[in-house]
Amino acid sequence: MGYYACIDRSWNDPLRLARKENMSKHTCSGNHEGHLCVLASKDQFEVIKGLAKQPEFICFNCGRVADEAKSLCNPMPLGTGRP
């Protein structure tokens, strides 16, 4: 393995830059306390498992998925193309 194989080339990935930009523009309305990000920061992973059994929404800020929009800060529907 050469020297250049170890270099992180993600700095020029435009999608990574877009994701970072979107995540930095955090928008959260309502009670933040029940959101998955807060639950994760409190190590409540068993609760998170219960809230993400059949995810229908994804958080535009952090990429977490949940069954209900109310569990996320900035939710958007995953779509209907699932098998």
C-alpha atoms as a PDB file:
ATOM      1  CA  MET A   1       0.000   0.000   0.000  1.00  0.00           C
ATOM      2  CA  GLY A   2       1.538   3.287  -1.084  1.00  0.00           C
ATOM      3  CA  TYR A   3       1.614   6.637   0.659  1.00  0.00           C
ATOM      4  CA  TYR A   4      -1.323   8.060  -1.318  1.00  0.00           C
ATOM      5  CA  ALA A   5      -3.604   5.135  -0.446  1.00  0.00           C
ATOM      6  CA  CYS A   6      -3.687   6.357   3.163  1.00  0.00           C
ATOM      7  CA  ILE A   7      -4.702   9.949   2.390  1.00  0.00           C
ATOM      8  CA  ASP A   8      -8.284  10.917   3.167  1.00  0.00           C
ATOM      9  CA  ARG A   9      -9.755  12.203  -0.092  1.00  0.00           C
ATOM     10  CA  SER A  10     -13.223  12.939   1.337  1.00  0.00           C
ATOM     11  CA  TRP A  11     -12.398  16.664   1.428  1.00  0.00           C
ATOM     12  CA  ASN A  12     -13.309  16.971  -2.255  1.00  0.00           C
ATOM     13  CA  ASP A  13     -16.555  14.978  -2.051  1.00  0.00           C
ATOM     14  CA  PRO A  14     -19.313  17.500  -2.909  1.00  0.00           C
ATOM     15  CA  LEU A  15     -21.992  15.399  -1.197  1.00  0.00           C
ATOM     16  CA  ARG A  16     -20.007  15.359   2.042  1.00  0.00           C
ATOM     17  CA  LEU A  17     -19.730  19.128   1.878  1.00  0.00           C
ATOM     18  CA  ALA A  18     -23.459  19.471   1.238  1.00  0.00           C
ATOM     19  CA  ARG A  19     -24.281  17.175   4.147  1.00  0.00           C
ATOM     20  CA  LYS A  20     -22.012  19.168   6.440  1.00  0.00           C
ATOM     21  CA  GLU A  21     -23.648  22.415   5.317  1.00  0.00           C
ATOM     22  CA  ASN A  22     -27.167  21.039   5.923  1.00  0.00           C
ATOM     23  CA  MET A  23     -26.246  19.645   9.327  1.00  0.00           C
ATOM     24  CA  SER A  24     -24.814  22.980  10.449  1.00  0.00           C
ATOM     25  CA  LYS A  25     -28.130  24.711   9.734  1.00  0.00           C
ATOM     26  CA  HIS A  26     -29.909  23.053  12.645  1.00  0.00           C
ATOM     27  CA  THR A  27     -33.596  23.818  12.793  1.00  0.00           C
ATOM     28  CA  CYS A  28     -35.669  22.299  15.535  1.00  0.00           C
ATOM     29  CA  SER A  29     -39.145  23.290  16.538  1.00  0.00           C
ATOM     30  CA  GLY A  30     -41.173  22.044  19.442  1.00  0.00           C
ATOM     31  CA  ASN A  31     -40.033  19.947  22.366  1.00  0.00           C
ATOM     32  CA  HIS A  32     -36.496  18.814  21.566  1.00  0.00           C
ATOM     33  CA  GLU A  33     -36.403  16.504  24.590  1.00  0.00           C
ATOM     34  CA  GLY A  34     -38.026  13.494  22.864  1.00  0.00           C
ATOM     35  CA  HIS A  35     -35.913  13.664  19.711  1.00  0.00           C
ATOM     36  CA  LEU A  36     -33.540  10.832  18.843  1.00  0.00           C
ATOM     37  CA  CYS A  37     -30.485  13.099  19.013  1.00  0.00           C
ATOM     38  CA  VAL A  38     -31.210  13.917  22.663  1.00  0.00           C
ATOM     39  CA  LEU A  39     -31.978  10.286  23.476  1.00  0.00           C
ATOM     40  CA  ALA A  40     -28.675   9.213  21.869  1.00  0.00           C
ATOM     41  CA  SER A  41     -26.754  11.799  23.882  1.00  0.00           C
ATOM     42  CA  LYS A  42     -28.272  10.230  27.015  1.00  0.00           C
ATOM     43  CA  ASP A  43     -27.368   6.668  25.879  1.00  0.00           C
ATOM     44  CA  GLN A  44     -31.043   5.653  25.715  1.00  0.00           C
ATOM     45  CA  PHE A  45     -30.553   3.252  22.825  1.00  0.00           C
ATOM     46  CA  GLU A  46     -33.289   0.830  23.872  1.00  0.00           C
ATOM     47  CA  VAL A  47     -35.799   3.704  23.653  1.00  0.00           C
ATOM     48  CA  ILE A  48     -34.398   4.635  20.232  1.00  0.00           C
ATOM     49  CA  LYS A  49     -34.845   1.057  18.994  1.00  0.00           C
ATOM     50  CA  GLY A  50     -38.518   1.289  19.905  1.00  0.00           C
ATOM     51  CA  LEU A  51     -38.927   4.571  18.029  1.00  0.00           C
ATOM     52  CA  ALA A  52     -37.209   3.332  14.870  1.00  0.00           C
ATOM     53  CA  LYS A  53     -38.683  -0.133  14.239  1.00  0.00           C
ATOM     54  CA  GLN A  54     -40.382   0.777  10.945  1.00  0.00           C
ATOM     55  CA  PRO A  55     -38.901   4.138   9.995  1.00  0.00           C
ATOM     56  CA  GLU A  56     -40.930   6.436   7.785  1.00  0.00           C
ATOM     57  CA  PHE A  57     -38.951   9.652   8.356  1.00  0.00           C
ATOM     58  CA  ILE A  58     -35.328  10.769   8.221  1.00  0.00           C
ATOM     59  CA  CYS A  59     -33.829  13.787   9.982  1.00  0.00           C
ATOM     60  CA  PHE A  60     -32.415  16.265   7.500  1.00  0.00           C
ATOM     61  CA  ASN A  61     -29.950  17.440  10.176  1.00  0.00           C
ATOM     62  CA  CYS A  62     -28.378  14.232  11.469  1.00  0.00           C
ATOM     63  CA  GLY A  63     -29.624  11.408   9.221  1.00  0.00           C
ATOM     64  CA  ARG A  64     -31.293   9.408  11.980  1.00  0.00           C
ATOM     65  CA  VAL A  65     -34.520   7.605  11.053  1.00  0.00           C
ATOM     66  CA  ALA A  66     -37.727   7.201  13.062  1.00  0.00           C
ATOM     67  CA  ASP A  67     -41.253   5.842  12.797  1.00  0.00           C
ATOM     68  CA  GLU A  68     -42.797   9.262  13.504  1.00  0.00           C
ATOM     69  CA  ALA A  69     -41.780  12.775  12.507  1.00  0.00           C
ATOM     70  CA  LYS A  70     -42.142  14.005  16.086  1.00  0.00           C
ATOM     71  CA  SER A  71     -39.047  11.991  17.090  1.00  0.00           C
ATOM     72  CA  LEU A  72     -36.768  14.057  14.825  1.00  0.00           C
ATOM     73  CA  CYS A  73     -35.638  17.694  14.724  1.00  0.00           C
ATOM     74  CA  ASN A  74     -35.972  18.300  11.001  1.00  0.00           C
ATOM     75  CA  PRO A  75     -37.975  15.355   9.574  1.00  0.00           C
ATOM     76  CA  MET A  76     -38.741  14.514   5.977  1.00  0.00           C
ATOM     77  CA  PRO A  77     -40.494  11.419   4.592  1.00  0.00           C
ATOM     78  CA  LEU A  78     -38.300   8.561   3.440  1.00  0.00           C
ATOM     79  CA  GLY A  79     -40.601   7.874   0.502  1.00  0.00           C
ATOM     80  CA  THR A  80     -42.809   5.039  -0.619  1.00  0.00           C
ATOM     81  CA  GLY A  81     -40.347   3.044  -2.739  1.00  0.00           C
ATOM     82  CA  ARG A  82     -39.659   0.422  -0.102  1.00  0.00           C
ATOM     83  CA  PRO A  83     -40.159  -3.272  -0.920  1.00  0.00           C
END
